[in-house]
Amino acid sequence: MALHRAILEMGTGNDLHGGDYTKAAIRAVEDALHHSSLTFIRALNIDKDTLQVDVTIGVQKPEEVNTQQVKAALPVGKVSVQTVKGGLDVEDEIAGDIVVVASAAIEVRIER
């Protein structure tokens, strides 16, 4: 059986102080999760552990995201996390700090 995307949800997260790309990424994932309800899993009697969950995180410094921590934020499925260049770094010249803005796309795939 082939995997087919059943849902796509997007979210945005930020870290206002400290420039923490992982924190912003996790907040983006949580934002996406709060927009979504996978009620079809129960309705179709699908084992939630068989879901393939593919997460893409966009930030200005993808190499600074701890993908294992992001993966741990997902409650179900076989999770993969990839990071790409995206999002925003907004400088605060007075404080000498940046605000990190991350984007997340979560795709849930099921066999059919």
PDB file of N, CA and C in Angstrom:
ATOM      1  N   MET A   1       0.833  -1.193   0.000  1.00  0.00           N
ATOM      2  CA  MET A   1       0.000   0.000   0.000  1.00  0.00           C
ATOM      3  C   MET A   1       0.875   1.254   0.000  1.00  0.00           C
ATOM      4  N   ALA A   2       0.403   2.255  -0.693  1.00  0.00           N
ATOM      5  CA  ALA A   2       1.145   3.511  -0.776  1.00  0.00           C
ATOM      6  C   ALA A   2       0.681   4.483   0.305  1.00  0.00           C
ATOM      7  N   LEU A   3       1.596   5.365   0.700  1.00  0.00           N
ATOM      8  CA  LEU A   3       1.253   6.414   1.662  1.00  0.00           C
ATOM      9  C   LEU A   3       0.664   7.609   0.915  1.00  0.00           C
ATOM     10  N   HIS A   4      -0.426   8.156   1.469  1.00  0.00           N
ATOM     11  CA  HIS A   4      -1.075   9.324   0.890  1.00  0.00           C
ATOM     12  C   HIS A   4      -1.251  10.381   1.968  1.00  0.00           C
ATOM     13  N   ARG A   5      -1.007  11.625   1.596  1.00  0.00           N
ATOM     14  CA  ARG A   5      -1.167  12.703   2.567  1.00  0.00           C
ATOM     15  C   ARG A   5      -2.647  12.878   2.890  1.00  0.00           C
ATOM     16  N   ALA A   6      -2.965  12.810   4.182  1.00  0.00           N
ATOM     17  CA  ALA A   6      -4.338  12.967   4.647  1.00  0.00           C
ATOM     18  C   ALA A   6      -4.581  14.357   5.218  1.00  0.00           C
ATOM     19  N   ILE A   7      -3.534  14.983   5.709  1.00  0.00           N
ATOM     20  CA  ILE A   7      -3.693  16.317   6.294  1.00  0.00           C
ATOM     21  C   ILE A   7      -2.377  17.083   6.163  1.00  0.00           C
ATOM     22  N   LEU A   8      -2.512  18.379   5.987  1.00  0.00           N
ATOM     23  CA  LEU A   8      -1.376  19.301   5.986  1.00  0.00           C
ATOM     24  C   LEU A   8      -1.770  20.462   6.880  1.00  0.00           C
ATOM     25  N   GLU A   9      -0.951  20.737   7.863  1.00  0.00           N
ATOM     26  CA  GLU A   9      -1.231  21.849   8.773  1.00  0.00           C
ATOM     27  C   GLU A   9       0.035  22.675   8.932  1.00  0.00           C
ATOM     28  N   MET A  10      -0.141  24.002   9.023  1.00  0.00           N
ATOM     29  CA  MET A  10       0.989  24.905   9.160  1.00  0.00           C
ATOM     30  C   MET A  10       0.904  25.678  10.465  1.00  0.00           C
ATOM     31  N   GLY A  11       2.068  26.087  10.952  1.00  0.00           N
ATOM     32  CA  GLY A  11       2.112  26.884  12.168  1.00  0.00           C
ATOM     33  C   GLY A  11       3.313  27.810  12.162  1.00  0.00           C
ATOM     34  N   THR A  12       3.262  28.785  13.055  1.00  0.00           N
ATOM     35  CA  THR A  12       4.344  29.746  13.224  1.00  0.00           C
ATOM     36  C   THR A  12       4.681  29.848  14.702  1.00  0.00           C
ATOM     37  N   GLY A  13       5.963  29.929  14.993  1.00  0.00           N
ATOM     38  CA  GLY A  13       6.397  30.082  16.375  1.00  0.00           C
ATOM     39  C   GLY A  13       7.585  31.014  16.441  1.00  0.00           C
ATOM     40  N   ASN A  14       7.818  31.571  17.622  1.00  0.00           N
ATOM     41  CA  ASN A  14       8.958  32.474  17.749  1.00  0.00           C
ATOM     42  C   ASN A  14       9.607  32.353  19.116  1.00  0.00           C
ATOM     43  N   ASP A  15      10.838  32.812  19.156  1.00  0.00           N
ATOM     44  CA  ASP A  15      11.557  32.998  20.410  1.00  0.00           C
ATOM     45  C   ASP A  15      11.908  34.479  20.457  1.00  0.00           C
ATOM     46  N   LEU A  16      11.292  35.178  21.396  1.00  0.00           N
ATOM     47  CA  LEU A  16      11.435  36.634  21.444  1.00  0.00           C
ATOM     48  C   LEU A  16      12.786  37.111  21.944  1.00  0.00           C
ATOM     49  N   HIS A  17      13.437  36.328  22.801  1.00  0.00           N
ATOM     50  CA  HIS A  17      14.734  36.724  23.356  1.00  0.00           C
ATOM     51  C   HIS A  17      15.636  35.503  23.416  1.00  0.00           C
ATOM     52  N   GLY A  18      16.851  35.649  22.968  1.00  0.00           N
ATOM     53  CA  GLY A  18      17.806  34.564  23.105  1.00  0.00           C
ATOM     54  C   GLY A  18      18.176  33.857  21.820  1.00  0.00           C
ATOM     55  N   GLY A  19      17.410  34.055  20.761  1.00  0.00           N
ATOM     56  CA  GLY A  19      17.776  33.469  19.475  1.00  0.00           C
ATOM     57  C   GLY A  19      17.773  31.953  19.458  1.00  0.00           C
ATOM     58  N   ASP A  20      16.808  31.321  20.119  1.00  0.00           N
ATOM     59  CA  ASP A  20      16.756  29.858  20.217  1.00  0.00           C
ATOM     60  C   ASP A  20      15.903  29.294  19.079  1.00  0.00           C
ATOM     61  N   TYR A  21      16.575  28.722  18.082  1.00  0.00           N
ATOM     62  CA  TYR A  21      15.885  28.196  16.904  1.00  0.00           C
ATOM     63  C   TYR A  21      15.042  26.973  17.240  1.00  0.00           C
ATOM     64  N   THR A  22      15.499  26.152  18.161  1.00  0.00           N
ATOM     65  CA  THR A  22      14.726  24.969  18.556  1.00  0.00           C
ATOM     66  C   THR A  22      13.447  25.380  19.269  1.00  0.00           C
ATOM     67  N   LYS A  23      13.541  26.332  20.176  1.00  0.00           N
ATOM     68  CA  LYS A  23      12.351  26.800  20.904  1.00  0.00           C
ATOM     69  C   LYS A  23      11.316  27.352  19.922  1.00  0.00           C
ATOM     70  N   ALA A  24      11.761  28.157  18.963  1.00  0.00           N
ATOM     71  CA  ALA A  24      10.843  28.714  17.964  1.00  0.00           C
ATOM     72  C   ALA A  24      10.229  27.604  17.114  1.00  0.00           C
ATOM     73  N   ALA A  25      11.027  26.601  16.753  1.00  0.00           N
ATOM     74  CA  ALA A  25      10.529  25.484  15.939  1.00  0.00           C
ATOM     75  C   ALA A  25       9.468  24.687  16.693  1.00  0.00           C
ATOM     76  N   ILE A  26       9.714  24.392  17.955  1.00  0.00           N
ATOM     77  CA  ILE A  26       8.738  23.645  18.759  1.00  0.00           C
ATOM     78  C   ILE A  26       7.450  24.446  18.898  1.00  0.00           C
ATOM     79  N   ARG A  27       7.563  25.735  19.084  1.00  0.00           N
ATOM     80  CA  ARG A  27       6.363  26.574  19.190  1.00  0.00           C
ATOM     81  C   ARG A  27       5.587  26.592  17.871  1.00  0.00           C
ATOM     82  N   ALA A  28       6.290  26.549  16.748  1.00  0.00           N
ATOM     83  CA  ALA A  28       5.615  26.485  15.447  1.00  0.00           C
ATOM     84  C   ALA A  28       4.872  25.161  15.293  1.00  0.00           C
ATOM     85  N   VAL A  29       5.495  24.070  15.729  1.00  0.00           N
ATOM     86  CA  VAL A  29       4.842  22.757  15.686  1.00  0.00           C
ATOM     87  C   VAL A  29       3.608  22.761  16.585  1.00  0.00           C
ATOM     88  N   GLU A  30       3.743  23.286  17.793  1.00  0.00           N
ATOM     89  CA  GLU A  30       2.602  23.337  18.719  1.00  0.00           C
ATOM     90  C   GLU A  30       1.467  24.179  18.141  1.00  0.00           C
ATOM     91  N   ASP A  31       1.807  25.280  17.472  1.00  0.00           N
ATOM     92  CA  ASP A  31       0.792  26.118  16.836  1.00  0.00           C
ATOM     93  C   ASP A  31       0.040  25.321  15.777  1.00  0.00           C
ATOM     94  N   ALA A  32       0.771  24.586  14.947  1.00  0.00           N
ATOM     95  CA  ALA A  32       0.127  23.765  13.916  1.00  0.00           C
ATOM     96  C   ALA A  32      -0.765  22.698  14.544  1.00  0.00           C
ATOM     97  N   LEU A  33      -0.284  22.062  15.597  1.00  0.00           N
ATOM     98  CA  LEU A  33      -1.074  21.021  16.257  1.00  0.00           C
ATOM     99  C   LEU A  33      -2.368  21.580  16.841  1.00  0.00           C
ATOM    100  N   HIS A  34      -2.323  22.804  17.326  1.00  0.00           N
ATOM    101  CA  HIS A  34      -3.517  23.411  17.922  1.00  0.00           C
ATOM    102  C   HIS A  34      -4.575  23.771  16.885  1.00  0.00           C
ATOM    103  N   HIS A  35      -4.208  23.733  15.603  1.00  0.00           N
ATOM    104  CA  HIS A  35      -5.162  24.006  14.522  1.00  0.00           C
ATOM    105  C   HIS A  35      -5.755  22.720  13.965  1.00  0.00           C
ATOM    106  N   SER A  36      -5.399  21.596  14.538  1.00  0.00           N
ATOM    107  CA  SER A  36      -5.699  20.323  13.895  1.00  0.00           C
ATOM    108  C   SER A  36      -6.321  19.332  14.870  1.00  0.00           C
ATOM    109  N   SER A  37      -7.207  18.503  14.339  1.00  0.00           N
ATOM    110  CA  SER A  37      -7.771  17.399  15.105  1.00  0.00           C
ATOM    111  C   SER A  37      -7.893  16.212  14.161  1.00  0.00           C
ATOM    112  N   LEU A  38      -7.259  15.134  14.520  1.00  0.00           N
ATOM    113  CA  LEU A  38      -7.238  13.960  13.648  1.00  0.00           C
ATOM    114  C   LEU A  38      -8.372  12.997  14.008  1.00  0.00           C
ATOM    115  N   THR A  39      -9.593  13.499  14.013  1.00  0.00           N
ATOM    116  CA  THR A  39     -10.731  12.658  14.392  1.00  0.00           C
ATOM    117  C   THR A  39     -10.945  11.503  13.426  1.00  0.00           C
ATOM    118  N   PHE A  40     -10.469  11.642  12.197  1.00  0.00           N
ATOM    119  CA  PHE A  40     -10.643  10.570  11.221  1.00  0.00           C
ATOM    120  C   PHE A  40      -9.909   9.295  11.625  1.00  0.00           C
ATOM    121  N   ILE A  41      -8.887   9.425  12.467  1.00  0.00           N
ATOM    122  CA  ILE A  41      -8.143   8.241  12.912  1.00  0.00           C
ATOM    123  C   ILE A  41      -9.077   7.282  13.638  1.00  0.00           C
ATOM    124  N   ARG A  42      -9.844   7.811  14.570  1.00  0.00           N
ATOM    125  CA  ARG A  42     -10.804   6.970  15.300  1.00  0.00           C
ATOM    126  C   ARG A  42     -11.941   6.534  14.396  1.00  0.00           C
ATOM    127  N   ALA A  43     -12.437   7.446  13.578  1.00  0.00           N
ATOM    128  CA  ALA A  43     -13.578   7.140  12.712  1.00  0.00           C
ATOM    129  C   ALA A  43     -13.266   6.017  11.731  1.00  0.00           C
ATOM    130  N   LEU A  44     -12.024   5.972  11.255  1.00  0.00           N
ATOM    131  CA  LEU A  44     -11.620   4.942  10.293  1.00  0.00           C
ATOM    132  C   LEU A  44     -10.880   3.782  10.945  1.00  0.00           C
ATOM    133  N   ASN A  45     -10.803   3.815  12.282  1.00  0.00           N
ATOM    134  CA  ASN A  45     -10.146   2.746  13.044  1.00  0.00           C
ATOM    135  C   ASN A  45      -8.695   2.538  12.596  1.00  0.00           C
ATOM    136  N   ILE A  46      -7.971   3.641  12.475  1.00  0.00           N
ATOM    137  CA  ILE A  46      -6.563   3.601  12.066  1.00  0.00           C
ATOM    138  C   ILE A  46      -5.697   3.603  13.317  1.00  0.00           C
ATOM    139  N   ASP A  47      -4.702   2.735  13.343  1.00  0.00           N
ATOM    140  CA  ASP A  47      -3.751   2.700  14.455  1.00  0.00           C
ATOM    141  C   ASP A  47      -2.875   3.954  14.370  1.00  0.00           C
ATOM    142  N   LYS A  48      -2.959   4.819  15.382  1.00  0.00           N
ATOM    143  CA  LYS A  48      -2.234   6.097  15.338  1.00  0.00           C
ATOM    144  C   LYS A  48      -0.724   5.915  15.265  1.00  0.00           C
ATOM    145  N   ASP A  49      -0.225   4.769  15.707  1.00  0.00           N
ATOM    146  CA  ASP A  49       1.216   4.528  15.641  1.00  0.00           C
ATOM    147  C   ASP A  49       1.687   4.228  14.222  1.00  0.00           C
ATOM    148  N   THR A  50       0.757   3.950  13.294  1.00  0.00           N
ATOM    149  CA  THR A  50       1.135   3.663  11.909  1.00  0.00           C
ATOM    150  C   THR A  50       1.172   4.913  11.042  1.00  0.00           C
ATOM    151  N   LEU A  51       0.733   6.040  11.577  1.00  0.00           N
ATOM    152  CA  LEU A  51       0.746   7.284  10.808  1.00  0.00           C
ATOM    153  C   LEU A  51       2.179   7.720  10.520  1.00  0.00           C
ATOM    154  N   GLN A  52       2.418   8.182   9.306  1.00  0.00           N
ATOM    155  CA  GLN A  52       3.702   8.788   8.974  1.00  0.00           C
ATOM    156  C   GLN A  52       3.529  10.288   9.124  1.00  0.00           C
ATOM    157  N   VAL A  53       4.319  10.911   9.987  1.00  0.00           N
ATOM    158  CA  VAL A  53       4.217  12.344  10.253  1.00  0.00           C
ATOM    159  C   VAL A  53       5.526  12.991   9.804  1.00  0.00           C
ATOM    160  N   ASP A  54       5.430  13.813   8.766  1.00  0.00           N
ATOM    161  CA  ASP A  54       6.603  14.487   8.211  1.00  0.00           C
ATOM    162  C   ASP A  54       6.532  15.967   8.558  1.00  0.00           C
ATOM    163  N   VAL A  55       7.549  16.444   9.262  1.00  0.00           N
ATOM    164  CA  VAL A  55       7.592  17.833   9.716  1.00  0.00           C
ATOM    165  C   VAL A  55       8.712  18.560   8.977  1.00  0.00           C
ATOM    166  N   THR A  56       8.389  19.723   8.442  1.00  0.00           N
ATOM    167  CA  THR A  56       9.392  20.591   7.831  1.00  0.00           C
ATOM    168  C   THR A  56       9.404  21.897   8.608  1.00  0.00           C
ATOM    169  N   ILE A  57      10.590  22.278   9.057  1.00  0.00           N
ATOM    170  CA  ILE A  57      10.784  23.507   9.821  1.00  0.00           C
ATOM    171  C   ILE A  57      11.610  24.471   8.984  1.00  0.00           C
ATOM    172  N   GLY A  58      11.126  25.708   8.861  1.00  0.00           N
ATOM    173  CA  GLY A  58      11.872  26.747   8.161  1.00  0.00           C
ATOM    174  C   GLY A  58      12.371  27.800   9.141  1.00  0.00           C
ATOM    175  N   VAL A  59      13.687  27.950   9.220  1.00  0.00           N
ATOM    176  CA  VAL A  59      14.327  28.981  10.043  1.00  0.00           C
ATOM    177  C   VAL A  59      15.560  29.484   9.300  1.00  0.00           C
ATOM    178  N   GLN A  60      16.073  30.620   9.716  1.00  0.00           N
ATOM    179  CA  GLN A  60      17.242  31.195   9.055  1.00  0.00           C
ATOM    180  C   GLN A  60      18.510  30.369   9.257  1.00  0.00           C
ATOM    181  N   LYS A  61      18.606  29.645  10.369  1.00  0.00           N
ATOM    182  CA  LYS A  61      19.777  28.798  10.622  1.00  0.00           C
ATOM    183  C   LYS A  61      19.303  27.374  10.915  1.00  0.00           C
ATOM    184  N   PRO A  62      18.961  26.615   9.864  1.00  0.00           N
ATOM    185  CA  PRO A  62      18.396  25.275  10.047  1.00  0.00           C
ATOM    186  C   PRO A  62      19.293  24.335  10.847  1.00  0.00           C
ATOM    187  N   GLU A  63      20.587  24.521  10.748  1.00  0.00           N
ATOM    188  CA  GLU A  63      21.530  23.633  11.442  1.00  0.00           C
ATOM    189  C   GLU A  63      21.477  23.809  12.961  1.00  0.00           C
ATOM    190  N   GLU A  64      20.855  24.875  13.437  1.00  0.00           N
ATOM    191  CA  GLU A  64      20.790  25.125  14.876  1.00  0.00           C
ATOM    192  C   GLU A  64      19.522  24.567  15.537  1.00  0.00           C
ATOM    193  N   VAL A  65      18.683  23.875  14.768  1.00  0.00           N
ATOM    194  CA  VAL A  65      17.474  23.267  15.326  1.00  0.00           C
ATOM    195  C   VAL A  65      17.801  21.850  15.789  1.00  0.00           C
ATOM    196  N   ASN A  66      17.456  21.538  17.029  1.00  0.00           N
ATOM    197  CA  ASN A  66      17.606  20.180  17.555  1.00  0.00           C
ATOM    198  C   ASN A  66      16.381  19.390  17.108  1.00  0.00           C
ATOM    199  N   THR A  67      16.540  18.610  16.045  1.00  0.00           N
ATOM    200  CA  THR A  67      15.395  17.904  15.462  1.00  0.00           C
ATOM    201  C   THR A  67      14.837  16.832  16.392  1.00  0.00           C
ATOM    202  N   GLN A  68      15.659  16.296  17.283  1.00  0.00           N
ATOM    203  CA  GLN A  68      15.152  15.298  18.232  1.00  0.00           C
ATOM    204  C   GLN A  68      14.170  15.935  19.216  1.00  0.00           C
ATOM    205  N   GLN A  69      14.452  17.147  19.643  1.00  0.00           N
ATOM    206  CA  GLN A  69      13.523  17.848  20.536  1.00  0.00           C
ATOM    207  C   GLN A  69      12.225  18.190  19.809  1.00  0.00           C
ATOM    208  N   VAL A  70      12.329  18.586  18.555  1.00  0.00           N
ATOM    209  CA  VAL A  70      11.128  18.873  17.765  1.00  0.00           C
ATOM    210  C   VAL A  70      10.311  17.592  17.603  1.00  0.00           C
ATOM    211  N   LYS A  71      10.980  16.513  17.285  1.00  0.00           N
ATOM    212  CA  LYS A  71      10.316  15.213  17.102  1.00  0.00           C
ATOM    213  C   LYS A  71       9.541  14.817  18.356  1.00  0.00           C
ATOM    214  N   ALA A  72      10.100  15.084  19.516  1.00  0.00           N
ATOM    215  CA  ALA A  72       9.462  14.720  20.787  1.00  0.00           C
ATOM    216  C   ALA A  72       8.176  15.507  21.033  1.00  0.00           C
ATOM    217  N   ALA A  73       7.970  16.610  20.319  1.00  0.00           N
ATOM    218  CA  ALA A  73       6.765  17.423  20.499  1.00  0.00           C
ATOM    219  C   ALA A  73       5.548  16.847  19.771  1.00  0.00           C
ATOM    220  N   LEU A  74       5.763  15.834  18.938  1.00  0.00           N
ATOM    221  CA  LEU A  74       4.668  15.231  18.178  1.00  0.00           C
ATOM    222  C   LEU A  74       4.087  14.053  18.952  1.00  0.00           C
ATOM    223  N   PRO A  75       2.765  14.026  19.141  1.00  0.00           N
ATOM    224  CA  PRO A  75       2.170  13.020  20.022  1.00  0.00           C
ATOM    225  C   PRO A  75       1.945  11.639  19.418  1.00  0.00           C
ATOM    226  N   VAL A  76       1.909  11.525  18.096  1.00  0.00           N
ATOM    227  CA  VAL A  76       1.599  10.229  17.483  1.00  0.00           C
ATOM    228  C   VAL A  76       2.449  10.001  16.246  1.00  0.00           C
ATOM    229  N   GLY A  77       2.508   8.747  15.828  1.00  0.00           N
ATOM    230  CA  GLY A  77       3.066   8.395  14.536  1.00  0.00           C
ATOM    231  C   GLY A  77       4.561   8.189  14.496  1.00  0.00           C
ATOM    232  N   LYS A  78       4.989   7.825  13.291  1.00  0.00           N
ATOM    233  CA  LYS A  78       6.409   7.685  12.972  1.00  0.00           C
ATOM    234  C   LYS A  78       6.842   9.044  12.424  1.00  0.00           C
ATOM    235  N   VAL A  79       7.609   9.763  13.204  1.00  0.00           N
ATOM    236  CA  VAL A  79       7.887  11.174  12.909  1.00  0.00           C
ATOM    237  C   VAL A  79       9.253  11.351  12.257  1.00  0.00           C
ATOM    238  N   SER A  80       9.280  12.158  11.205  1.00  0.00           N
ATOM    239  CA  SER A  80      10.544  12.605  10.621  1.00  0.00           C
ATOM    240  C   SER A  80      10.534  14.129  10.630  1.00  0.00           C
ATOM    241  N   VAL A  81      11.703  14.713  10.863  1.00  0.00           N
ATOM    242  CA  VAL A  81      11.825  16.177  10.910  1.00  0.00           C
ATOM    243  C   VAL A  81      12.962  16.593   9.997  1.00  0.00           C
ATOM    244  N   GLN A  82      12.677  17.538   9.121  1.00  0.00           N
ATOM    245  CA  GLN A  82      13.738  18.138   8.309  1.00  0.00           C
ATOM    246  C   GLN A  82      13.697  19.645   8.512  1.00  0.00           C
ATOM    247  N   THR A  83      14.852  20.259   8.402  1.00  0.00           N
ATOM    248  CA  THR A  83      14.938  21.711   8.537  1.00  0.00           C
ATOM    249  C   THR A  83      15.424  22.306   7.225  1.00  0.00           C
ATOM    250  N   VAL A  84      14.866  23.465   6.900  1.00  0.00           N
ATOM    251  CA  VAL A  84      15.234  24.169   5.677  1.00  0.00           C
ATOM    252  C   VAL A  84      15.402  25.648   6.004  1.00  0.00           C
ATOM    253  N   LYS A  85      16.056  26.354   5.100  1.00  0.00           N
ATOM    254  CA  LYS A  85      16.204  27.801   5.295  1.00  0.00           C
ATOM    255  C   LYS A  85      14.856  28.463   5.042  1.00  0.00           C
ATOM    256  N   GLY A  86      14.450  29.288   5.991  1.00  0.00           N
ATOM    257  CA  GLY A  86      13.167  29.983   5.900  1.00  0.00           C
ATOM    258  C   GLY A  86      12.997  30.841   7.138  1.00  0.00           C
ATOM    259  N   GLY A  87      11.765  31.138   7.476  1.00  0.00           N
ATOM    260  CA  GLY A  87      11.509  31.925   8.676  1.00  0.00           C
ATOM    261  C   GLY A  87      12.173  33.290   8.611  1.00  0.00           C
ATOM    262  N   LEU A  88      12.311  33.903   9.783  1.00  0.00           N
ATOM    263  CA  LEU A  88      12.897  35.241   9.873  1.00  0.00           C
ATOM    264  C   LEU A  88      13.752  35.373  11.117  1.00  0.00           C
ATOM    265  N   ASP A  89      14.776  36.173  11.025  1.00  0.00           N
ATOM    266  CA  ASP A  89      15.501  36.684  12.186  1.00  0.00           C
ATOM    267  C   ASP A  89      15.263  38.188  12.186  1.00  0.00           C
ATOM    268  N   VAL A  90      14.619  38.682  13.235  1.00  0.00           N
ATOM    269  CA  VAL A  90      14.327  40.110  13.335  1.00  0.00           C
ATOM    270  C   VAL A  90      15.257  40.691  14.390  1.00  0.00           C
ATOM    271  N   GLU A  91      16.125  41.598  13.964  1.00  0.00           N
ATOM    272  CA  GLU A  91      17.125  42.155  14.876  1.00  0.00           C
ATOM    273  C   GLU A  91      16.541  43.223  15.792  1.00  0.00           C
ATOM    274  N   ASP A  92      17.000  43.198  17.033  1.00  0.00           N
ATOM    275  CA  ASP A  92      16.730  44.271  17.997  1.00  0.00           C
ATOM    276  C   ASP A  92      18.071  44.956  18.228  1.00  0.00           C
ATOM    277  N   GLU A  93      18.295  46.045  17.496  1.00  0.00           N
ATOM    278  CA  GLU A  93      19.595  46.711  17.543  1.00  0.00           C
ATOM    279  C   GLU A  93      19.924  47.259  18.922  1.00  0.00           C
ATOM    280  N   ILE A  94      18.922  47.689  19.660  1.00  0.00           N
ATOM    281  CA  ILE A  94      19.167  48.266  20.983  1.00  0.00           C
ATOM    282  C   ILE A  94      19.618  47.190  21.957  1.00  0.00           C
ATOM    283  N   ALA A  95      18.918  46.063  21.977  1.00  0.00           N
ATOM    284  CA  ALA A  95      19.245  44.980  22.911  1.00  0.00           C
ATOM    285  C   ALA A  95      20.364  44.088  22.380  1.00  0.00           C
ATOM    286  N   GLY A  96      20.678  44.202  21.093  1.00  0.00           N
ATOM    287  CA  GLY A  96      21.693  43.327  20.510  1.00  0.00           C
ATOM    288  C   GLY A  96      21.232  41.881  20.456  1.00  0.00           C
ATOM    289  N   ASP A  97      19.966  41.690  20.249  1.00  0.00           N
ATOM    290  CA  ASP A  97      19.334  40.371  20.291  1.00  0.00           C
ATOM    291  C   ASP A  97      18.553  40.166  18.995  1.00  0.00           C
ATOM    292  N   ILE A  98      18.088  38.938  18.772  1.00  0.00           N
ATOM    293  CA  ILE A  98      17.214  38.685  17.635  1.00  0.00           C
ATOM    294  C   ILE A  98      15.948  37.975  18.107  1.00  0.00           C
ATOM    295  N   VAL A  99      14.887  38.222  17.359  1.00  0.00           N
ATOM    296  CA  VAL A  99      13.662  37.445  17.492  1.00  0.00           C
ATOM    297  C   VAL A  99      13.710  36.414  16.376  1.00  0.00           C
ATOM    298  N   VAL A 100      13.585  35.141  16.735  1.00  0.00           N
ATOM    299  CA  VAL A 100      13.579  34.067  15.749  1.00  0.00           C
ATOM    300  C   VAL A 100      12.134  33.707  15.439  1.00  0.00           C
ATOM    301  N   VAL A 101      11.786  33.734  14.159  1.00  0.00           N
ATOM    302  CA  VAL A 101      10.457  33.329  13.714  1.00  0.00           C
ATOM    303  C   VAL A 101      10.620  32.063  12.878  1.00  0.00           C
ATOM    304  N   ALA A 102       9.916  30.999  13.284  1.00  0.00           N
ATOM    305  CA  ALA A 102       9.996  29.711  12.596  1.00  0.00           C
ATOM    306  C   ALA A 102       8.658  29.376  11.956  1.00  0.00           C
ATOM    307  N   SER A 103       8.720  28.677  10.838  1.00  0.00           N
ATOM    308  CA  SER A 103       7.528  28.139  10.182  1.00  0.00           C
ATOM    309  C   SER A 103       7.580  26.624  10.281  1.00  0.00           C
ATOM    310  N   ALA A 104       6.400  26.013  10.435  1.00  0.00           N
ATOM    311  CA  ALA A 104       6.326  24.549  10.470  1.00  0.00           C
ATOM    312  C   ALA A 104       5.225  24.083   9.535  1.00  0.00           C
ATOM    313  N   ALA A 105       5.501  23.013   8.807  1.00  0.00           N
ATOM    314  CA  ALA A 105       4.483  22.314   8.021  1.00  0.00           C
ATOM    315  C   ALA A 105       4.475  20.874   8.514  1.00  0.00           C
ATOM    316  N   ILE A 106       3.292  20.395   8.893  1.00  0.00           N
ATOM    317  CA  ILE A 106       3.151  19.017   9.365  1.00  0.00           C
ATOM    318  C   ILE A 106       2.259  18.277   8.380  1.00  0.00           C
ATOM    319  N   GLU A 107       2.801  17.201   7.811  1.00  0.00           N
ATOM    320  CA  GLU A 107       2.044  16.357   6.892  1.00  0.00           C
ATOM    321  C   GLU A 107       1.819  15.003   7.556  1.00  0.00           C
ATOM    322  N   VAL A 108       0.567  14.568   7.577  1.00  0.00           N
ATOM    323  CA  VAL A 108       0.239  13.245   8.102  1.00  0.00           C
ATOM    324  C   VAL A 108      -0.149  12.377   6.917  1.00  0.00           C
ATOM    325  N   ARG A 109       0.517  11.237   6.805  1.00  0.00           N
ATOM    326  CA  ARG A 109       0.266  10.322   5.688  1.00  0.00           C
ATOM    327  C   ARG A 109      -0.275   9.000   6.226  1.00  0.00           C
ATOM    328  N   ILE A 110      -1.217   8.443   5.471  1.00  0.00           N
ATOM    329  CA  ILE A 110      -1.786   7.145   5.845  1.00  0.00           C
ATOM    330  C   ILE A 110      -1.684   6.194   4.657  1.00  0.00           C
ATOM    331  N   GLU A 111      -1.688   4.915   4.964  1.00  0.00           N
ATOM    332  CA  GLU A 111      -1.685   3.902   3.907  1.00  0.00           C
ATOM    333  C   GLU A 111      -3.097   3.726   3.387  1.00  0.00           C
ATOM    334  N   ARG A 112      -3.210   3.574   2.085  1.00  0.00           N
ATOM    335  CA  ARG A 112      -4.509   3.235   1.490  1.00  0.00           C
ATOM    336  C   ARG A 112      -4.327   2.546   0.174  1.00  0.00           C
TER     337      ARG A 112
END
